[in-house]
Amino acid sequence: MPALKVPNRPNVADIPIIESRVPRPEELVVLSRPLLEATIRIGELLRDCPAKWAFAGDLGEILFGVNVEPDHLTILTTSAGCNEISRSLTAFQTQVPRIGERQLERSAEIHLKPLPIIIKSYSSSFNIEGLRLDVHGDLQIKVGDWDWGDPLDFEPEYVYVVSVKVPAAPLELKMELYRGLGWYDRVSKIHAAMARRHHKIV
């Protein structure tokens, strides 16, 4: 079922293919020390969590080498998973789980027309190592007056952050969403990261 319901889907823009080469210094992707420590801490605290969960948002992308600058952490899970994570992270909780909606700062760009993006989820918030962590259960996306998409569902991919194995939302899911939203600059960033991973350039 589609996570983003796009009526009259526009043609997909051509994305340039990135050739194998050594990245320039400004292309090197580095996780800041505070984010690194918070990611490791969360991975340790949720090591035995039975719910399906994954890092998402900018943090989830930088774990795969996408050149973004996260300022907080985001986890995607189910509603039941949000409750499970809240029990595991009770000492750090700043907002108990609740259903809520909010509009994203950036708009969708469909046929050169900006449309508001609203997300709805069963969510909670935490303060981990001084950084905000937002946990979204059964997150749904709505663009303008389109219908709500189905709750995001996917199989996490696993990466190692130092010695801690953590799940992250797959980049293919992000590319599909970004294409539907018309965020081709973000699609290009993911393509570049995937090219570096494929050619083992880090």
C-alpha atoms as a PDB file:
ATOM      1  CA  MET A   1       0.000   0.000   0.000  1.00  0.00           C
ATOM      2  CA  PRO A   2       1.370   3.454  -0.857  1.00  0.00           C
ATOM      3  CA  ALA A   3       2.775   5.618   1.918  1.00  0.00           C
ATOM      4  CA  LEU A   4       2.257   8.697  -0.245  1.00  0.00           C
ATOM      5  CA  LYS A   5      -0.920   8.897  -2.331  1.00  0.00           C
ATOM      6  CA  VAL A   6      -0.156  11.039  -5.362  1.00  0.00           C
ATOM      7  CA  PRO A   7      -3.040  11.840  -7.741  1.00  0.00           C
ATOM      8  CA  ASN A   8      -1.975  12.229 -11.384  1.00  0.00           C
ATOM      9  CA  ARG A   9       1.676  11.444 -10.566  1.00  0.00           C
ATOM     10  CA  PRO A  10       3.974  13.775 -12.562  1.00  0.00           C
ATOM     11  CA  ASN A  11       6.793  12.447 -14.709  1.00  0.00           C
ATOM     12  CA  VAL A  12       9.851  11.537 -12.677  1.00  0.00           C
ATOM     13  CA  ALA A  13      12.712  13.946 -13.305  1.00  0.00           C
ATOM     14  CA  ASP A  14      15.956  12.514 -14.628  1.00  0.00           C
ATOM     15  CA  ILE A  15      18.595  12.259 -11.933  1.00  0.00           C
ATOM     16  CA  PRO A  16      22.226  12.474 -13.063  1.00  0.00           C
ATOM     17  CA  ILE A  17      24.345   9.375 -12.548  1.00  0.00           C
ATOM     18  CA  ILE A  18      27.294  10.006 -10.234  1.00  0.00           C
ATOM     19  CA  GLU A  19      30.505   8.469 -11.544  1.00  0.00           C
ATOM     20  CA  SER A  20      33.013   6.794  -9.264  1.00  0.00           C
ATOM     21  CA  ARG A  21      35.598   9.249  -7.927  1.00  0.00           C
ATOM     22  CA  VAL A  22      37.269  10.337  -4.726  1.00  0.00           C
ATOM     23  CA  PRO A  23      34.914  12.712  -2.874  1.00  0.00           C
ATOM     24  CA  ARG A  24      35.915  16.314  -2.281  1.00  0.00           C
ATOM     25  CA  PRO A  25      36.443  17.394   1.365  1.00  0.00           C
ATOM     26  CA  GLU A  26      33.066  19.156   1.473  1.00  0.00           C
ATOM     27  CA  GLU A  27      31.380  15.896   0.394  1.00  0.00           C
ATOM     28  CA  LEU A  28      32.710  13.869   3.305  1.00  0.00           C
ATOM     29  CA  VAL A  29      29.912  12.951   5.688  1.00  0.00           C
ATOM     30  CA  VAL A  30      30.604  13.139   9.411  1.00  0.00           C
ATOM     31  CA  LEU A  31      28.269  12.469  12.325  1.00  0.00           C
ATOM     32  CA  SER A  32      28.833  15.113  15.018  1.00  0.00           C
ATOM     33  CA  ARG A  33      30.043  13.881  18.409  1.00  0.00           C
ATOM     34  CA  PRO A  34      26.761  14.721  20.256  1.00  0.00           C
ATOM     35  CA  LEU A  35      24.693  12.890  17.617  1.00  0.00           C
ATOM     36  CA  LEU A  36      27.139   9.996  17.601  1.00  0.00           C
ATOM     37  CA  GLU A  37      26.937   9.601  21.373  1.00  0.00           C
ATOM     38  CA  ALA A  38      23.129   9.900  21.407  1.00  0.00           C
ATOM     39  CA  THR A  39      22.791   7.348  18.583  1.00  0.00           C
ATOM     40  CA  ILE A  40      25.009   4.864  20.393  1.00  0.00           C
ATOM     41  CA  ARG A  41      23.140   5.424  23.652  1.00  0.00           C
ATOM     42  CA  ILE A  42      19.747   4.817  22.019  1.00  0.00           C
ATOM     43  CA  GLY A  43      21.068   1.737  20.242  1.00  0.00           C
ATOM     44  CA  GLU A  44      22.231   0.330  23.575  1.00  0.00           C
ATOM     45  CA  LEU A  45      18.995   1.176  25.402  1.00  0.00           C
ATOM     46  CA  LEU A  46      16.799  -0.347  22.669  1.00  0.00           C
ATOM     47  CA  ARG A  47      19.019  -3.351  21.958  1.00  0.00           C
ATOM     48  CA  ASP A  48      16.400  -5.758  23.370  1.00  0.00           C
ATOM     49  CA  CYS A  49      13.298  -3.833  22.268  1.00  0.00           C
ATOM     50  CA  PRO A  50      10.919  -6.386  20.669  1.00  0.00           C
ATOM     51  CA  ALA A  51       9.169  -3.791  18.479  1.00  0.00           C
ATOM     52  CA  LYS A  52      10.218  -2.984  14.920  1.00  0.00           C
ATOM     53  CA  TRP A  53      11.877   0.421  14.870  1.00  0.00           C
ATOM     54  CA  ALA A  54      14.429   2.317  12.824  1.00  0.00           C
ATOM     55  CA  PHE A  55      16.294   5.608  12.795  1.00  0.00           C
ATOM     56  CA  ALA A  56      14.810   7.900  10.161  1.00  0.00           C
ATOM     57  CA  GLY A  57      14.856  11.582   9.249  1.00  0.00           C
ATOM     58  CA  ASP A  58      18.197  13.243   8.535  1.00  0.00           C
ATOM     59  CA  LEU A  59      19.928  11.110  11.178  1.00  0.00           C
ATOM     60  CA  GLY A  60      18.763   7.935   9.438  1.00  0.00           C
ATOM     61  CA  GLU A  61      20.166   9.227   6.150  1.00  0.00           C
ATOM     62  CA  ILE A  62      23.556  10.303   7.460  1.00  0.00           C
ATOM     63  CA  LEU A  63      24.049   6.784   8.856  1.00  0.00           C
ATOM     64  CA  PHE A  64      24.129   5.686   5.190  1.00  0.00           C
ATOM     65  CA  GLY A  65      26.482   8.503   4.178  1.00  0.00           C
ATOM     66  CA  VAL A  66      23.948  11.038   2.862  1.00  0.00           C
ATOM     67  CA  ASN A  67      25.346  14.557   3.084  1.00  0.00           C
ATOM     68  CA  VAL A  68      22.812  16.160   5.467  1.00  0.00           C
ATOM     69  CA  GLU A  69      23.112  17.962   8.800  1.00  0.00           C
ATOM     70  CA  PRO A  70      20.714  16.510  11.408  1.00  0.00           C
ATOM     71  CA  ASP A  71      19.896  18.591  14.482  1.00  0.00           C
ATOM     72  CA  HIS A  72      17.823  15.925  16.270  1.00  0.00           C
ATOM     73  CA  LEU A  73      17.029  12.213  16.113  1.00  0.00           C
ATOM     74  CA  THR A  74      13.940  10.523  14.703  1.00  0.00           C
ATOM     75  CA  ILE A  75      12.683   6.964  15.061  1.00  0.00           C
ATOM     76  CA  LEU A  76       9.913   5.355  13.015  1.00  0.00           C
ATOM     77  CA  THR A  77       7.939   2.495  14.515  1.00  0.00           C
ATOM     78  CA  THR A  78       4.346   1.342  15.033  1.00  0.00           C
ATOM     79  CA  SER A  79       1.903   2.668  17.638  1.00  0.00           C
ATOM     80  CA  ALA A  80       2.618  -0.397  19.788  1.00  0.00           C
ATOM     81  CA  GLY A  81       6.333   0.179  19.202  1.00  0.00           C
ATOM     82  CA  CYS A  82       6.030   3.790  20.367  1.00  0.00           C
ATOM     83  CA  ASN A  83       4.599   2.530  23.678  1.00  0.00           C
ATOM     84  CA  GLU A  84       7.357  -0.096  23.921  1.00  0.00           C
ATOM     85  CA  ILE A  85      10.098   2.456  23.280  1.00  0.00           C
ATOM     86  CA  SER A  86       8.515   4.845  25.774  1.00  0.00           C
ATOM     87  CA  ARG A  87       8.722   2.154  28.451  1.00  0.00           C
ATOM     88  CA  SER A  88      12.405   1.578  27.641  1.00  0.00           C
ATOM     89  CA  LEU A  89      13.244   5.303  27.652  1.00  0.00           C
ATOM     90  CA  THR A  90      10.976   6.498  30.476  1.00  0.00           C
ATOM     91  CA  ALA A  91      13.824   8.261  32.293  1.00  0.00           C
ATOM     92  CA  PHE A  92      14.414  10.487  29.244  1.00  0.00           C
ATOM     93  CA  GLN A  93      10.797  11.185  28.252  1.00  0.00           C
ATOM     94  CA  THR A  94       9.662  14.784  27.679  1.00  0.00           C
ATOM     95  CA  GLN A  95       6.292  14.006  26.034  1.00  0.00           C
ATOM     96  CA  VAL A  96       4.128  10.955  26.655  1.00  0.00           C
ATOM     97  CA  PRO A  97       2.735   9.114  23.591  1.00  0.00           C
ATOM     98  CA  ARG A  98      -0.204  10.833  21.935  1.00  0.00           C
ATOM     99  CA  ILE A  99      -1.777  11.222  18.507  1.00  0.00           C
ATOM    100  CA  GLY A 100      -0.856  14.471  16.815  1.00  0.00           C
ATOM    101  CA  GLU A 101      -0.548  16.264  13.486  1.00  0.00           C
ATOM    102  CA  ARG A 102       1.860  18.928  12.311  1.00  0.00           C
ATOM    103  CA  GLN A 103       2.818  20.701   9.103  1.00  0.00           C
ATOM    104  CA  LEU A 104       6.395  20.372   7.887  1.00  0.00           C
ATOM    105  CA  GLU A 105       8.412  23.531   7.281  1.00  0.00           C
ATOM    106  CA  ARG A 106       9.176  22.544   3.702  1.00  0.00           C
ATOM    107  CA  SER A 107       6.389  22.240   1.127  1.00  0.00           C
ATOM    108  CA  ALA A 108       5.948  19.648  -1.589  1.00  0.00           C
ATOM    109  CA  GLU A 109       6.831  20.933  -5.077  1.00  0.00           C
ATOM    110  CA  ILE A 110       4.298  19.501  -7.535  1.00  0.00           C
ATOM    111  CA  HIS A 111       4.192  20.983 -11.071  1.00  0.00           C
ATOM    112  CA  LEU A 112       6.013  24.065  -9.698  1.00  0.00           C
ATOM    113  CA  LYS A 113       3.196  24.553  -7.192  1.00  0.00           C
ATOM    114  CA  PRO A 114       4.031  24.421  -3.461  1.00  0.00           C
ATOM    115  CA  LEU A 115       1.667  22.288  -1.388  1.00  0.00           C
ATOM    116  CA  PRO A 116       1.710  21.896   2.416  1.00  0.00           C
ATOM    117  CA  ILE A 117       2.835  18.566   3.883  1.00  0.00           C
ATOM    118  CA  ILE A 118       1.103  17.322   7.042  1.00  0.00           C
ATOM    119  CA  ILE A 119       2.239  14.325   9.058  1.00  0.00           C
ATOM    120  CA  LYS A 120       0.132  12.423  11.574  1.00  0.00           C
ATOM    121  CA  SER A 121       1.428   9.856  14.057  1.00  0.00           C
ATOM    122  CA  TYR A 122       1.208   8.403  17.522  1.00  0.00           C
ATOM    123  CA  SER A 123       4.329  10.048  18.891  1.00  0.00           C
ATOM    124  CA  SER A 124       6.443  10.745  21.949  1.00  0.00           C
ATOM    125  CA  SER A 125       9.584  12.786  22.610  1.00  0.00           C
ATOM    126  CA  PHE A 126      12.739  12.329  24.677  1.00  0.00           C
ATOM    127  CA  ASN A 127      15.951  14.119  25.622  1.00  0.00           C
ATOM    128  CA  ILE A 128      18.955  11.860  25.012  1.00  0.00           C
ATOM    129  CA  GLU A 129      22.415  13.220  25.754  1.00  0.00           C
ATOM    130  CA  GLY A 130      20.995  16.744  25.388  1.00  0.00           C
ATOM    131  CA  LEU A 131      19.406  16.058  21.984  1.00  0.00           C
ATOM    132  CA  ARG A 132      15.737  15.730  21.071  1.00  0.00           C
ATOM    133  CA  LEU A 133      14.494  12.329  19.991  1.00  0.00           C
ATOM    134  CA  ASP A 134      11.073  12.124  18.292  1.00  0.00           C
ATOM    135  CA  VAL A 135       9.453   8.689  18.034  1.00  0.00           C
ATOM    136  CA  HIS A 136       6.659   8.343  15.463  1.00  0.00           C
ATOM    137  CA  GLY A 137       4.332   5.352  15.466  1.00  0.00           C
ATOM    138  CA  ASP A 138       2.318   4.554  12.310  1.00  0.00           C
ATOM    139  CA  LEU A 139       3.335   7.825  10.664  1.00  0.00           C
ATOM    140  CA  GLN A 140       1.124   8.994   7.795  1.00  0.00           C
ATOM    141  CA  ILE A 141       1.699  11.746   5.241  1.00  0.00           C
ATOM    142  CA  LYS A 142      -0.815  14.045   3.566  1.00  0.00           C
ATOM    143  CA  VAL A 143      -0.023  16.605   0.860  1.00  0.00           C
ATOM    144  CA  GLY A 144      -2.429  19.494   0.274  1.00  0.00           C
ATOM    145  CA  ASP A 145      -5.928  18.092  -0.197  1.00  0.00           C
ATOM    146  CA  TRP A 146      -4.706  14.622  -1.239  1.00  0.00           C
ATOM    147  CA  ASP A 147      -5.798  11.593   0.761  1.00  0.00           C
ATOM    148  CA  TRP A 148      -3.740  10.407   3.718  1.00  0.00           C
ATOM    149  CA  GLY A 149      -1.108   7.850   2.744  1.00  0.00           C
ATOM    150  CA  ASP A 150      -0.955   4.484   4.484  1.00  0.00           C
ATOM    151  CA  PRO A 151       1.185   4.233   7.658  1.00  0.00           C
ATOM    152  CA  LEU A 152       4.865   3.937   6.740  1.00  0.00           C
ATOM    153  CA  ASP A 153       6.005   0.343   6.787  1.00  0.00           C
ATOM    154  CA  PHE A 154       9.343  -1.114   5.715  1.00  0.00           C
ATOM    155  CA  GLU A 155      12.050  -3.583   6.627  1.00  0.00           C
ATOM    156  CA  PRO A 156      14.914  -1.793   8.400  1.00  0.00           C
ATOM    157  CA  GLU A 157      18.487  -2.066   7.201  1.00  0.00           C
ATOM    158  CA  TYR A 158      21.208  -2.400   9.821  1.00  0.00           C
ATOM    159  CA  VAL A 159      24.376  -0.366  10.183  1.00  0.00           C
ATOM    160  CA  TYR A 160      27.102  -0.295  12.797  1.00  0.00           C
ATOM    161  CA  VAL A 161      27.714   2.937  14.698  1.00  0.00           C
ATOM    162  CA  VAL A 162      31.100   2.257  16.259  1.00  0.00           C
ATOM    163  CA  SER A 163      30.348  -1.194  17.733  1.00  0.00           C
ATOM    164  CA  VAL A 164      26.573  -0.824  18.157  1.00  0.00           C
ATOM    165  CA  LYS A 165      24.293  -2.326  15.507  1.00  0.00           C
ATOM    166  CA  VAL A 166      21.261  -0.105  14.840  1.00  0.00           C
ATOM    167  CA  PRO A 167      18.329  -0.266  12.389  1.00  0.00           C
ATOM    168  CA  ALA A 168      17.729   2.531   9.885  1.00  0.00           C
ATOM    169  CA  ALA A 169      14.955   3.234   7.380  1.00  0.00           C
ATOM    170  CA  PRO A 170      16.122   2.135   3.901  1.00  0.00           C
ATOM    171  CA  LEU A 171      17.217   4.837   1.477  1.00  0.00           C
ATOM    172  CA  GLU A 172      14.936   3.390  -1.219  1.00  0.00           C
ATOM    173  CA  LEU A 173      11.921   4.338   0.918  1.00  0.00           C
ATOM    174  CA  LYS A 174      13.232   7.883   1.304  1.00  0.00           C
ATOM    175  CA  MET A 175      13.826   8.236  -2.452  1.00  0.00           C
ATOM    176  CA  GLU A 176      10.291   7.091  -3.216  1.00  0.00           C
ATOM    177  CA  LEU A 177       8.845   9.629  -0.779  1.00  0.00           C
ATOM    178  CA  TYR A 178      11.107  12.467  -1.957  1.00  0.00           C
ATOM    179  CA  ARG A 179      10.207  11.837  -5.608  1.00  0.00           C
ATOM    180  CA  GLY A 180       6.510  11.963  -4.726  1.00  0.00           C
ATOM    181  CA  LEU A 181       7.072  15.250  -2.875  1.00  0.00           C
ATOM    182  CA  GLY A 182       9.146  16.754  -5.681  1.00  0.00           C
ATOM    183  CA  TRP A 183      12.257  17.043  -3.493  1.00  0.00           C
ATOM    184  CA  TYR A 184      14.737  16.135  -6.205  1.00  0.00           C
ATOM    185  CA  ASP A 185      17.627  17.842  -4.424  1.00  0.00           C
ATOM    186  CA  ARG A 186      17.251  15.242  -1.657  1.00  0.00           C
ATOM    187  CA  VAL A 187      16.959  12.425  -4.209  1.00  0.00           C
ATOM    188  CA  SER A 188      20.274  13.571  -5.717  1.00  0.00           C
ATOM    189  CA  LYS A 189      21.949  13.522  -2.292  1.00  0.00           C
ATOM    190  CA  ILE A 190      20.803   9.933  -1.753  1.00  0.00           C
ATOM    191  CA  HIS A 191      22.000   8.928  -5.232  1.00  0.00           C
ATOM    192  CA  ALA A 192      25.427  10.378  -4.438  1.00  0.00           C
ATOM    193  CA  ALA A 193      25.605   8.476  -1.140  1.00  0.00           C
ATOM    194  CA  MET A 194      24.562   5.228  -2.798  1.00  0.00           C
ATOM    195  CA  ALA A 195      27.227   5.692  -5.478  1.00  0.00           C
ATOM    196  CA  ARG A 196      29.906   6.198  -2.813  1.00  0.00           C
ATOM    197  CA  ARG A 197      28.730   3.071  -0.949  1.00  0.00           C
ATOM    198  CA  HIS A 198      28.630   1.007  -4.137  1.00  0.00           C
ATOM    199  CA  HIS A 199      32.197   1.947  -5.025  1.00  0.00           C
ATOM    200  CA  LYS A 200      33.373   1.754  -1.407  1.00  0.00           C
ATOM    201  CA  ILE A 201      34.399   5.412  -1.401  1.00  0.00           C
ATOM    202  CA  VAL A 202      34.180   6.803   2.136  1.00  0.00           C
END
